[in-house]
N, C-alpha and C. Protein backbone atom coordinates (compact mmCIF):
# COMPACT_ATOMS: atom_id res chain seq x y z
N UNK A 1 59.56 63.66 109.91
CA UNK A 1 60.04 62.62 110.84
C UNK A 1 61.55 62.43 110.63
N UNK A 2 62.31 62.28 111.62
CA UNK A 2 63.74 62.13 111.53
C UNK A 2 64.09 60.77 110.96
N UNK A 3 65.28 60.79 110.26
CA UNK A 3 65.77 59.40 109.79
C UNK A 3 66.22 58.65 111.05
N UNK A 4 66.05 57.41 110.98
CA UNK A 4 66.43 56.51 112.15
C UNK A 4 67.85 56.06 112.03
N UNK A 5 68.48 56.08 110.79
CA UNK A 5 69.85 55.68 110.66
C UNK A 5 70.50 56.40 109.51
N UNK A 6 71.71 56.88 109.69
CA UNK A 6 72.39 57.61 108.61
C UNK A 6 73.88 57.27 108.78
N UNK A 7 74.64 57.51 107.68
CA UNK A 7 76.05 57.40 107.61
C UNK A 7 76.65 58.85 107.49
N UNK A 8 77.68 59.12 108.22
CA UNK A 8 78.30 60.44 108.19
C UNK A 8 79.81 60.36 108.02
N UNK A 9 80.38 61.16 107.17
CA UNK A 9 81.80 61.18 106.96
C UNK A 9 82.43 62.46 107.54
N UNK A 10 83.60 62.35 108.05
CA UNK A 10 84.40 63.54 108.52
C UNK A 10 85.83 63.14 108.72
N UNK A 11 86.64 64.05 109.12
CA UNK A 11 88.08 63.82 109.29
C UNK A 11 88.35 62.94 110.53
N UNK A 12 87.55 63.16 111.59
CA UNK A 12 87.74 62.34 112.83
C UNK A 12 86.36 61.89 113.23
N UNK A 13 86.41 60.87 114.15
CA UNK A 13 85.24 60.32 114.71
C UNK A 13 84.32 61.42 115.44
N UNK A 14 85.11 62.24 116.16
CA UNK A 14 84.40 63.33 116.91
C UNK A 14 83.70 64.33 116.03
N UNK A 15 84.41 64.68 114.91
CA UNK A 15 83.80 65.62 114.01
C UNK A 15 82.55 64.95 113.25
N UNK A 16 82.68 63.65 113.02
CA UNK A 16 81.54 62.95 112.43
C UNK A 16 80.32 62.97 113.32
N UNK A 17 80.59 62.76 114.70
CA UNK A 17 79.50 62.77 115.58
C UNK A 17 78.85 64.14 115.66
N UNK A 18 79.65 65.19 115.61
CA UNK A 18 79.09 66.58 115.61
C UNK A 18 78.25 66.84 114.47
N UNK A 19 78.67 66.33 113.32
CA UNK A 19 77.89 66.46 112.06
C UNK A 19 76.59 65.73 112.23
N UNK A 20 76.64 64.51 112.82
CA UNK A 20 75.44 63.73 112.94
C UNK A 20 74.42 64.44 113.86
N UNK A 21 74.93 65.13 114.94
CA UNK A 21 74.09 65.85 115.85
C UNK A 21 73.37 66.98 115.06
N UNK A 22 74.07 67.66 114.21
CA UNK A 22 73.54 68.71 113.39
C UNK A 22 72.48 68.19 112.42
N UNK A 23 72.75 67.08 111.77
CA UNK A 23 71.85 66.56 110.74
C UNK A 23 70.57 66.01 111.43
N UNK A 24 70.74 65.41 112.47
CA UNK A 24 69.58 64.72 113.16
C UNK A 24 68.81 65.66 114.09
N UNK A 25 69.52 66.76 114.48
CA UNK A 25 68.90 67.67 115.48
C UNK A 25 68.73 67.06 116.88
N UNK A 26 69.56 66.10 117.20
CA UNK A 26 69.48 65.50 118.54
C UNK A 26 70.92 65.58 119.20
N UNK A 27 70.98 65.28 120.51
CA UNK A 27 72.21 65.18 121.20
C UNK A 27 72.92 63.87 121.08
N UNK A 28 74.18 63.80 121.43
CA UNK A 28 74.91 62.50 121.40
C UNK A 28 74.30 61.34 122.09
N UNK A 29 73.67 61.65 123.23
CA UNK A 29 73.15 60.58 124.05
C UNK A 29 71.81 60.00 123.49
N UNK A 30 71.40 60.45 122.31
CA UNK A 30 70.16 59.98 121.78
C UNK A 30 70.39 59.08 120.51
N UNK A 31 71.71 58.73 120.20
CA UNK A 31 71.92 57.90 119.11
C UNK A 31 73.14 56.98 119.43
N UNK A 32 73.16 55.85 118.75
CA UNK A 32 74.32 54.96 118.90
C UNK A 32 75.20 55.10 117.65
N UNK A 33 76.53 55.05 117.94
CA UNK A 33 77.49 55.27 116.96
C UNK A 33 78.27 53.97 116.60
N UNK A 34 78.37 53.70 115.36
CA UNK A 34 79.23 52.53 114.94
C UNK A 34 80.23 53.08 113.96
N UNK A 35 81.56 52.87 114.26
CA UNK A 35 82.62 53.33 113.31
C UNK A 35 82.75 52.34 112.23
N UNK A 36 82.47 52.74 110.96
CA UNK A 36 82.59 51.91 109.86
C UNK A 36 84.02 51.94 109.34
N UNK A 37 84.60 53.12 109.32
CA UNK A 37 86.02 53.25 108.90
C UNK A 37 86.64 54.44 109.59
N UNK A 38 87.81 54.33 110.13
CA UNK A 38 88.45 55.45 110.75
C UNK A 38 89.71 55.89 110.02
N UNK A 39 89.85 57.15 109.68
CA UNK A 39 90.92 57.57 108.95
C UNK A 39 92.23 57.35 109.59
N UNK A 40 93.30 57.10 108.87
CA UNK A 40 94.62 56.80 109.40
C UNK A 40 95.16 58.14 109.81
N UNK A 41 95.64 58.26 111.14
CA UNK A 41 96.12 59.51 111.74
C UNK A 41 97.34 60.04 110.87
N UNK A 42 98.07 59.11 110.24
CA UNK A 42 99.20 59.58 109.53
C UNK A 42 98.95 60.24 108.22
N UNK A 43 97.66 60.08 107.78
CA UNK A 43 97.34 60.80 106.49
C UNK A 43 96.18 61.66 106.56
N UNK A 44 95.78 62.04 107.90
CA UNK A 44 94.74 62.98 108.05
C UNK A 44 95.16 64.35 107.41
N UNK A 45 94.19 64.81 106.60
CA UNK A 45 94.40 66.18 105.97
C UNK A 45 94.93 65.98 104.56
N UNK A 46 95.28 64.76 104.10
CA UNK A 46 95.63 64.56 102.75
C UNK A 46 94.42 64.44 101.78
N UNK A 47 93.25 64.15 102.37
CA UNK A 47 92.17 64.06 101.49
C UNK A 47 91.99 62.63 100.88
N UNK A 48 92.91 61.67 101.23
CA UNK A 48 92.88 60.39 100.71
C UNK A 48 91.84 59.46 101.44
N UNK A 49 91.54 59.75 102.65
CA UNK A 49 90.62 58.83 103.38
C UNK A 49 89.88 59.69 104.46
N UNK A 50 88.68 59.30 104.75
CA UNK A 50 87.87 59.95 105.79
C UNK A 50 87.30 58.91 106.73
N UNK A 51 86.97 59.38 107.88
CA UNK A 51 86.28 58.55 108.92
C UNK A 51 84.81 58.48 108.54
N UNK A 52 84.26 57.29 108.60
CA UNK A 52 82.81 57.08 108.29
C UNK A 52 82.17 56.39 109.52
N UNK A 53 81.07 56.97 109.98
CA UNK A 53 80.37 56.34 111.05
C UNK A 53 78.91 56.09 110.72
N UNK A 54 78.35 55.03 111.36
CA UNK A 54 76.88 54.87 111.18
C UNK A 54 76.24 55.33 112.47
N UNK A 55 75.14 56.09 112.32
CA UNK A 55 74.42 56.59 113.49
C UNK A 55 72.98 56.10 113.47
N UNK A 56 72.60 55.52 114.63
CA UNK A 56 71.28 55.02 114.68
C UNK A 56 70.50 55.60 115.89
N UNK A 57 69.40 56.19 115.62
CA UNK A 57 68.68 56.80 116.72
C UNK A 57 68.15 55.87 117.80
N UNK A 58 68.35 56.13 119.02
CA UNK A 58 67.79 55.33 120.08
C UNK A 58 66.34 55.61 120.37
N UNK A 59 65.52 54.64 120.70
CA UNK A 59 64.19 54.88 121.09
C UNK A 59 64.14 55.61 122.43
N UNK A 60 63.66 56.83 122.51
CA UNK A 60 63.69 57.58 123.71
C UNK A 60 62.38 57.46 124.41
N UNK A 61 62.34 57.83 125.67
CA UNK A 61 61.05 57.80 126.48
C UNK A 61 59.99 58.62 125.85
N UNK A 62 60.42 59.78 125.32
CA UNK A 62 59.44 60.72 124.72
C UNK A 62 58.83 60.07 123.47
N UNK A 63 59.72 59.39 122.63
CA UNK A 63 59.22 58.74 121.36
C UNK A 63 58.26 57.64 121.76
N UNK A 64 58.70 56.83 122.71
CA UNK A 64 57.85 55.68 123.16
C UNK A 64 56.45 56.04 123.66
N UNK A 65 56.52 57.15 124.53
CA UNK A 65 55.26 57.68 125.06
C UNK A 65 54.35 58.12 123.98
N UNK A 66 54.88 58.84 122.99
CA UNK A 66 54.07 59.42 121.91
C UNK A 66 53.50 58.32 121.02
N UNK A 67 54.30 57.30 120.79
CA UNK A 67 53.75 56.15 120.08
C UNK A 67 52.66 55.46 120.85
N UNK A 68 52.79 55.31 122.10
CA UNK A 68 51.78 54.68 122.99
C UNK A 68 50.51 55.42 122.98
N UNK A 69 50.62 56.74 123.09
CA UNK A 69 49.41 57.61 122.99
C UNK A 69 48.71 57.58 121.68
N UNK A 70 49.52 57.58 120.57
CA UNK A 70 48.87 57.54 119.24
C UNK A 70 48.24 56.16 119.01
N UNK A 71 48.82 55.12 119.50
CA UNK A 71 48.27 53.77 119.31
C UNK A 71 46.96 53.65 120.03
N UNK A 72 46.93 54.09 121.35
CA UNK A 72 45.72 53.94 122.18
C UNK A 72 44.62 54.86 121.64
N UNK A 73 44.92 56.09 121.28
CA UNK A 73 43.92 57.00 120.74
C UNK A 73 43.31 56.45 119.42
N UNK A 74 44.18 55.83 118.57
CA UNK A 74 43.72 55.22 117.33
C UNK A 74 42.70 54.09 117.60
N UNK A 75 43.06 53.23 118.54
CA UNK A 75 42.10 52.14 118.90
C UNK A 75 40.80 52.67 119.45
N UNK A 76 40.83 53.65 120.34
CA UNK A 76 39.66 54.15 120.96
C UNK A 76 38.76 54.82 119.84
N UNK A 77 39.47 55.45 118.89
CA UNK A 77 38.66 56.09 117.79
C UNK A 77 38.05 55.08 116.91
N UNK A 78 38.70 53.99 116.65
CA UNK A 78 38.16 52.90 115.77
C UNK A 78 36.97 52.21 116.54
N UNK A 79 37.05 52.18 117.85
CA UNK A 79 35.92 51.58 118.63
C UNK A 79 34.82 52.59 118.86
N UNK A 80 34.99 53.79 118.40
CA UNK A 80 34.01 54.96 118.55
C UNK A 80 33.68 55.15 119.91
N UNK A 81 34.70 55.21 120.82
CA UNK A 81 34.57 55.56 122.25
C UNK A 81 35.10 56.96 122.50
N UNK A 82 34.22 57.94 122.70
CA UNK A 82 34.67 59.27 122.99
C UNK A 82 35.45 59.33 124.34
N UNK A 83 36.67 59.80 124.33
CA UNK A 83 37.59 59.71 125.55
C UNK A 83 38.86 60.59 125.21
N UNK A 84 39.59 60.76 126.30
CA UNK A 84 40.85 61.45 126.20
C UNK A 84 41.87 60.51 126.89
N UNK A 85 43.15 60.69 126.51
CA UNK A 85 44.20 59.93 127.10
C UNK A 85 45.24 60.84 127.81
N UNK A 86 45.39 60.56 129.13
CA UNK A 86 46.37 61.31 129.91
C UNK A 86 47.54 60.51 130.28
N UNK A 87 48.72 61.19 130.43
CA UNK A 87 49.96 60.44 130.62
C UNK A 87 50.45 60.66 131.98
N UNK A 88 51.03 59.60 132.64
CA UNK A 88 51.75 59.77 133.88
C UNK A 88 52.88 58.72 133.82
N UNK A 89 53.52 58.43 134.96
CA UNK A 89 54.58 57.48 134.98
C UNK A 89 55.99 58.13 134.96
N UNK A 90 57.02 57.32 134.73
CA UNK A 90 58.36 57.84 134.71
C UNK A 90 59.10 57.12 133.60
N UNK A 91 60.49 57.24 133.63
CA UNK A 91 61.24 56.60 132.55
C UNK A 91 61.13 55.08 132.61
N UNK A 92 60.90 54.58 133.75
CA UNK A 92 60.89 53.10 133.87
C UNK A 92 59.57 52.49 133.28
N UNK A 93 58.52 53.26 133.35
CA UNK A 93 57.20 52.67 132.96
C UNK A 93 56.23 53.78 132.55
N UNK A 94 55.58 53.67 131.37
CA UNK A 94 54.69 54.61 130.93
C UNK A 94 53.32 54.28 131.41
N UNK A 95 52.52 55.24 131.88
CA UNK A 95 51.15 54.96 132.44
C UNK A 95 50.21 55.89 131.66
N UNK A 96 49.23 55.27 131.03
CA UNK A 96 48.20 56.10 130.28
C UNK A 96 46.85 55.80 130.96
N UNK A 97 46.17 56.90 131.24
CA UNK A 97 44.79 56.77 131.91
C UNK A 97 43.77 57.30 130.90
N UNK A 98 42.79 56.49 130.60
CA UNK A 98 41.69 56.86 129.68
C UNK A 98 40.57 57.59 130.52
N UNK A 99 40.25 58.80 130.12
CA UNK A 99 39.23 59.51 130.79
C UNK A 99 38.01 59.76 129.93
N UNK A 100 36.80 59.63 130.54
CA UNK A 100 35.65 59.95 129.74
C UNK A 100 34.40 59.42 130.53
N UNK A 101 33.24 59.50 129.90
CA UNK A 101 31.97 59.03 130.57
C UNK A 101 31.66 57.64 130.06
N UNK A 102 30.99 56.82 130.97
CA UNK A 102 30.46 55.51 130.67
C UNK A 102 31.50 54.65 130.00
N UNK A 103 32.65 54.48 130.65
CA UNK A 103 33.78 53.66 129.99
C UNK A 103 33.90 52.27 130.55
N UNK A 104 32.74 51.84 131.26
CA UNK A 104 32.82 50.51 131.83
C UNK A 104 33.06 49.40 130.83
N UNK A 105 32.69 49.69 129.52
CA UNK A 105 32.87 48.68 128.46
C UNK A 105 34.39 48.41 128.29
N UNK A 106 35.22 49.36 128.65
CA UNK A 106 36.70 49.22 128.49
C UNK A 106 37.28 48.44 129.64
N UNK A 107 36.53 48.28 130.73
CA UNK A 107 37.06 47.62 131.94
C UNK A 107 36.74 46.15 131.98
N UNK A 108 35.41 45.81 131.83
CA UNK A 108 34.99 44.44 131.74
C UNK A 108 35.08 43.76 133.23
N UNK A 109 34.64 42.60 133.29
CA UNK A 109 34.57 41.87 134.66
C UNK A 109 36.01 41.72 135.18
N UNK A 110 36.18 42.18 136.37
CA UNK A 110 37.50 42.13 137.06
C UNK A 110 38.57 42.79 136.24
N UNK A 111 38.25 43.69 135.32
CA UNK A 111 39.24 44.43 134.55
C UNK A 111 39.81 43.54 133.38
N UNK A 112 39.12 42.50 132.96
CA UNK A 112 39.70 41.54 131.93
C UNK A 112 39.74 42.30 130.58
N UNK A 113 38.76 43.06 130.25
CA UNK A 113 38.76 43.75 129.00
C UNK A 113 39.94 44.78 128.92
N UNK A 114 40.14 45.50 130.06
CA UNK A 114 41.23 46.43 130.19
C UNK A 114 42.51 45.77 130.10
N UNK A 115 42.71 44.55 130.64
CA UNK A 115 43.94 43.81 130.53
C UNK A 115 44.21 43.41 129.08
N UNK A 116 43.17 43.04 128.32
CA UNK A 116 43.35 42.78 126.91
C UNK A 116 43.76 43.92 126.06
N UNK A 117 43.07 45.13 126.41
CA UNK A 117 43.38 46.26 125.69
C UNK A 117 44.88 46.70 125.97
N UNK A 118 45.30 46.61 127.19
CA UNK A 118 46.67 46.88 127.55
C UNK A 118 47.63 45.99 126.82
N UNK A 119 47.41 44.70 126.77
CA UNK A 119 48.20 43.74 126.05
C UNK A 119 48.34 44.11 124.61
N UNK A 120 47.23 44.39 123.97
CA UNK A 120 47.21 44.71 122.53
C UNK A 120 48.04 45.96 122.32
N UNK A 121 47.89 47.03 123.07
CA UNK A 121 48.71 48.23 122.93
C UNK A 121 50.11 47.96 123.08
N UNK A 122 50.46 47.22 124.11
CA UNK A 122 51.87 46.83 124.39
C UNK A 122 52.48 46.21 123.20
N UNK A 123 51.79 45.27 122.51
CA UNK A 123 52.31 44.57 121.38
C UNK A 123 52.56 45.53 120.20
N UNK A 124 51.55 46.34 119.92
CA UNK A 124 51.68 47.27 118.84
C UNK A 124 52.79 48.26 119.04
N UNK A 125 52.93 48.85 120.19
CA UNK A 125 53.86 49.80 120.51
C UNK A 125 55.27 49.19 120.37
N UNK A 126 55.49 48.03 121.04
CA UNK A 126 56.76 47.30 120.96
C UNK A 126 57.17 47.01 119.59
N UNK A 127 56.22 46.61 118.66
CA UNK A 127 56.50 46.30 117.34
C UNK A 127 56.99 47.61 116.56
N UNK A 128 56.30 48.75 116.87
CA UNK A 128 56.65 49.91 116.21
C UNK A 128 58.03 50.51 116.58
N UNK A 129 58.32 50.41 117.89
CA UNK A 129 59.60 51.01 118.35
C UNK A 129 60.72 49.99 118.42
N UNK A 130 60.43 48.69 118.11
CA UNK A 130 61.45 47.65 118.05
C UNK A 130 62.08 47.29 119.39
N UNK A 131 61.35 47.49 120.43
CA UNK A 131 61.80 47.13 121.72
C UNK A 131 60.67 47.01 122.68
N UNK A 132 60.81 46.20 123.71
CA UNK A 132 59.62 45.99 124.70
C UNK A 132 59.49 47.28 125.50
N UNK A 133 58.30 47.78 125.62
CA UNK A 133 58.05 49.03 126.37
C UNK A 133 57.14 48.72 127.54
N UNK A 134 57.65 48.89 128.77
CA UNK A 134 56.71 48.76 129.93
C UNK A 134 55.62 49.71 129.85
N UNK A 135 54.46 49.26 129.91
CA UNK A 135 53.27 50.16 129.70
C UNK A 135 52.12 49.79 130.50
N UNK A 136 51.52 50.69 131.23
CA UNK A 136 50.25 50.44 131.98
C UNK A 136 49.12 51.28 131.44
N UNK A 137 47.91 50.71 131.33
CA UNK A 137 46.71 51.46 130.92
C UNK A 137 45.67 51.30 131.95
N UNK A 138 45.09 52.44 132.25
CA UNK A 138 43.95 52.51 133.26
C UNK A 138 42.79 53.22 132.75
N UNK A 139 41.60 53.02 133.29
CA UNK A 139 40.43 53.76 132.86
C UNK A 139 39.86 54.49 134.08
N UNK A 140 39.92 55.77 134.06
CA UNK A 140 39.42 56.59 135.12
C UNK A 140 39.90 56.20 136.54
N UNK A 141 41.11 55.74 136.53
CA UNK A 141 41.72 55.36 137.88
C UNK A 141 41.19 54.02 138.39
N UNK A 142 40.58 53.25 137.52
CA UNK A 142 39.99 51.89 137.98
C UNK A 142 41.04 51.04 138.77
N UNK A 143 42.20 50.88 138.06
CA UNK A 143 43.18 49.96 138.68
C UNK A 143 43.58 50.35 140.07
N UNK A 144 43.83 51.61 140.25
CA UNK A 144 44.24 52.05 141.54
C UNK A 144 43.16 51.74 142.59
N UNK A 145 41.94 52.07 142.32
CA UNK A 145 40.85 51.80 143.22
C UNK A 145 40.71 50.32 143.48
N UNK A 146 40.82 49.52 142.40
CA UNK A 146 40.63 48.11 142.56
C UNK A 146 41.81 47.44 143.39
N UNK A 147 43.06 47.94 143.13
CA UNK A 147 44.25 47.37 143.91
C UNK A 147 44.12 47.81 145.34
N UNK A 148 43.71 49.08 145.60
CA UNK A 148 43.54 49.48 146.95
C UNK A 148 42.47 48.65 147.67
N UNK A 149 41.40 48.38 146.89
CA UNK A 149 40.31 47.51 147.51
C UNK A 149 40.74 46.18 147.86
N UNK A 150 41.51 45.55 146.89
CA UNK A 150 42.05 44.22 147.09
C UNK A 150 43.03 44.11 148.24
N UNK A 151 43.83 45.16 148.33
CA UNK A 151 44.87 45.17 149.45
C UNK A 151 44.09 45.21 150.80
N UNK A 152 43.07 46.07 150.82
CA UNK A 152 42.25 46.14 152.09
C UNK A 152 41.59 44.82 152.37
N UNK A 153 41.02 44.24 151.33
CA UNK A 153 40.30 43.01 151.52
C UNK A 153 41.25 41.87 152.02
N UNK A 154 42.42 41.86 151.41
CA UNK A 154 43.47 40.81 151.88
C UNK A 154 43.68 40.86 153.30
N UNK A 155 43.93 42.03 153.86
CA UNK A 155 44.20 42.21 155.32
C UNK A 155 42.96 41.85 156.18
N UNK A 156 41.80 42.24 155.70
CA UNK A 156 40.56 41.87 156.39
C UNK A 156 40.36 40.46 156.50
N UNK A 157 40.58 39.73 155.39
CA UNK A 157 40.42 38.26 155.37
C UNK A 157 41.51 37.54 156.11
N UNK A 158 42.68 38.15 156.13
CA UNK A 158 43.80 37.59 156.86
C UNK A 158 43.46 37.59 158.41
N UNK A 159 42.88 38.61 158.85
CA UNK A 159 42.45 38.64 160.23
C UNK A 159 41.43 37.62 160.59
N UNK A 160 40.53 37.41 159.61
CA UNK A 160 39.57 36.32 159.93
C UNK A 160 40.20 34.94 159.96
N UNK A 161 41.13 34.71 159.07
CA UNK A 161 41.86 33.47 159.14
C UNK A 161 42.69 33.34 160.36
N UNK A 162 43.25 34.37 160.83
CA UNK A 162 44.05 34.38 162.10
C UNK A 162 43.18 34.01 163.26
N UNK A 163 41.97 34.55 163.32
CA UNK A 163 41.04 34.33 164.46
C UNK A 163 40.51 32.92 164.39
N UNK A 164 40.01 32.48 163.21
CA UNK A 164 39.28 31.22 163.13
C UNK A 164 40.24 30.06 162.80
N UNK A 165 41.47 30.37 162.39
CA UNK A 165 42.44 29.34 162.04
C UNK A 165 41.94 28.36 160.98
N UNK A 166 41.13 28.94 160.07
CA UNK A 166 40.65 28.09 158.95
C UNK A 166 40.94 28.86 157.67
N UNK A 167 41.27 28.16 156.57
CA UNK A 167 41.61 28.81 155.29
C UNK A 167 40.37 29.40 154.70
N UNK A 168 40.62 30.46 153.92
CA UNK A 168 39.61 31.13 153.12
C UNK A 168 40.02 31.09 151.67
N UNK A 169 39.11 30.59 150.83
CA UNK A 169 39.29 30.54 149.35
C UNK A 169 38.58 31.70 148.71
N UNK A 170 39.28 32.58 147.98
CA UNK A 170 38.64 33.63 147.32
C UNK A 170 38.07 33.27 145.92
N UNK A 171 37.26 34.14 145.41
CA UNK A 171 36.75 33.93 144.07
C UNK A 171 37.80 33.98 143.06
N UNK A 172 37.53 33.35 141.87
CA UNK A 172 38.62 33.36 140.84
C UNK A 172 38.96 34.76 140.45
N UNK A 173 40.24 35.04 140.16
CA UNK A 173 40.74 36.34 139.84
C UNK A 173 41.82 36.23 138.70
N UNK A 174 42.00 37.24 137.97
CA UNK A 174 43.03 37.25 136.95
C UNK A 174 44.40 37.32 137.60
N UNK A 175 45.49 36.95 136.95
CA UNK A 175 46.83 36.92 137.52
C UNK A 175 47.25 38.21 138.24
N UNK A 176 46.98 39.37 137.61
CA UNK A 176 47.44 40.67 138.25
C UNK A 176 46.80 40.86 139.63
N UNK A 177 45.49 40.46 139.69
CA UNK A 177 44.80 40.71 140.98
C UNK A 177 45.27 39.65 142.03
N UNK A 178 45.48 38.43 141.59
CA UNK A 178 46.02 37.42 142.62
C UNK A 178 47.29 37.89 143.17
N UNK A 179 48.17 38.45 142.22
CA UNK A 179 49.47 38.94 142.66
C UNK A 179 49.31 40.01 143.78
N UNK A 180 48.31 40.91 143.65
CA UNK A 180 48.10 41.89 144.70
C UNK A 180 47.85 41.28 146.07
N UNK A 181 47.01 40.25 146.05
CA UNK A 181 46.78 39.53 147.29
C UNK A 181 48.03 38.90 147.89
N UNK A 182 48.78 38.21 147.01
CA UNK A 182 49.99 37.52 147.51
C UNK A 182 51.02 38.60 148.10
N UNK A 183 51.19 39.76 147.34
CA UNK A 183 52.13 40.73 147.79
C UNK A 183 51.70 41.34 149.12
N UNK A 184 50.40 41.57 149.15
CA UNK A 184 49.84 42.30 150.37
C UNK A 184 50.11 41.50 151.65
N UNK A 185 50.13 40.10 151.53
CA UNK A 185 50.25 39.34 152.70
C UNK A 185 51.54 38.51 152.76
N UNK A 186 52.52 38.96 151.90
CA UNK A 186 53.85 38.27 152.00
C UNK A 186 54.50 38.34 153.28
N UNK A 187 54.40 39.36 154.03
CA UNK A 187 55.15 39.50 155.31
C UNK A 187 54.14 39.42 156.48
N UNK A 188 52.93 38.96 156.22
CA UNK A 188 51.97 38.81 157.34
C UNK A 188 52.54 37.74 158.29
N UNK A 189 52.51 37.94 159.54
CA UNK A 189 53.08 36.98 160.50
C UNK A 189 52.20 35.81 160.75
N UNK A 190 50.89 35.89 160.45
CA UNK A 190 49.96 34.80 160.84
C UNK A 190 49.36 34.03 159.69
N UNK A 191 49.61 34.46 158.51
CA UNK A 191 48.91 33.78 157.33
C UNK A 191 49.90 33.51 156.19
N UNK A 192 49.66 32.62 155.35
CA UNK A 192 50.38 32.33 154.09
C UNK A 192 49.30 32.26 152.92
N UNK A 193 49.75 32.47 151.74
CA UNK A 193 48.87 32.40 150.58
C UNK A 193 49.46 31.48 149.48
N UNK A 194 48.56 30.89 148.75
CA UNK A 194 49.01 30.15 147.53
C UNK A 194 47.78 30.16 146.60
N UNK A 195 48.06 29.84 145.32
CA UNK A 195 46.97 29.80 144.29
C UNK A 195 46.59 28.34 144.00
N UNK A 196 45.33 28.13 143.66
CA UNK A 196 44.92 26.87 143.38
C UNK A 196 43.88 26.93 142.09
N UNK A 197 43.74 25.87 141.46
CA UNK A 197 42.82 25.82 140.33
C UNK A 197 43.53 26.08 138.99
N UNK A 198 42.89 25.96 137.89
CA UNK A 198 43.48 26.06 136.60
C UNK A 198 42.74 27.11 135.75
N UNK A 199 43.50 27.84 134.94
CA UNK A 199 42.93 28.79 133.97
C UNK A 199 42.10 29.85 134.60
N UNK A 200 40.84 30.04 134.04
CA UNK A 200 40.02 31.14 134.58
C UNK A 200 39.44 30.81 135.98
N UNK A 201 39.62 29.61 136.43
CA UNK A 201 39.14 29.18 137.77
C UNK A 201 40.27 29.30 138.84
N UNK A 202 41.36 29.85 138.47
CA UNK A 202 42.45 29.93 139.41
C UNK A 202 42.20 31.00 140.53
N UNK A 203 42.32 30.65 141.76
CA UNK A 203 42.03 31.55 142.86
C UNK A 203 43.02 31.51 144.04
N UNK A 204 43.02 32.50 144.89
CA UNK A 204 43.93 32.59 146.00
C UNK A 204 43.30 31.89 147.29
N UNK A 205 44.22 31.19 147.96
CA UNK A 205 43.84 30.58 149.23
C UNK A 205 44.67 31.26 150.29
N UNK A 206 43.99 31.78 151.33
CA UNK A 206 44.67 32.36 152.55
C UNK A 206 44.56 31.33 153.64
N UNK A 207 45.69 30.91 154.20
CA UNK A 207 45.76 29.85 155.19
C UNK A 207 46.49 30.33 156.50
N UNK A 208 46.04 29.76 157.61
CA UNK A 208 46.69 30.05 158.80
C UNK A 208 48.17 29.56 158.85
N UNK A 209 49.08 30.40 159.24
CA UNK A 209 50.50 30.02 159.34
C UNK A 209 50.71 29.25 160.59
N UNK A 210 50.84 27.90 160.57
CA UNK A 210 51.08 27.17 161.76
C UNK A 210 52.57 27.04 162.01
N UNK A 211 52.85 26.83 163.35
CA UNK A 211 54.21 26.72 163.79
C UNK A 211 54.81 25.47 163.15
């Protein structure tokens, strides 16, 4: 495992950075440089003083992704759930999809167990890499199917509200699913949405948009 922080001495800052690249085996854009002492240009070459820099590795997307995979795989192993973890996403957000048979236990009602698992993994990963890491976890594509279903349901119910001109109150949903409904109907010309209730009983209301 590479050192996360080192001090390097050389005649100039640039030479010190080059030495740091060699020692760490990474490129300049993968670490942060702090100049501790810079040699006086008037006495360079006399051997009386050297430039000293501190180099600290930055958390890279590759490192964050690997930590996330290791964390999730460890939790799944401790829960004795046979499965594999696949990676997708981009630099802005890491996405991990758990694949296997009979994984409903990881999803729970309305995905609440999955939300808890995602939250725990986010906390552990962020603690290990010392920065907040945007991270999504899915199980066999459940989230995408659920979100597509919610989006379709939102538009179907919106049409009913438009025709009947009466509000429809949905069943209680977790925050992430309520947000899907709100976003789906944000620009709908005939309905508006808001949430009502407290805690686990909070739900979305779709109402007719009156002039």
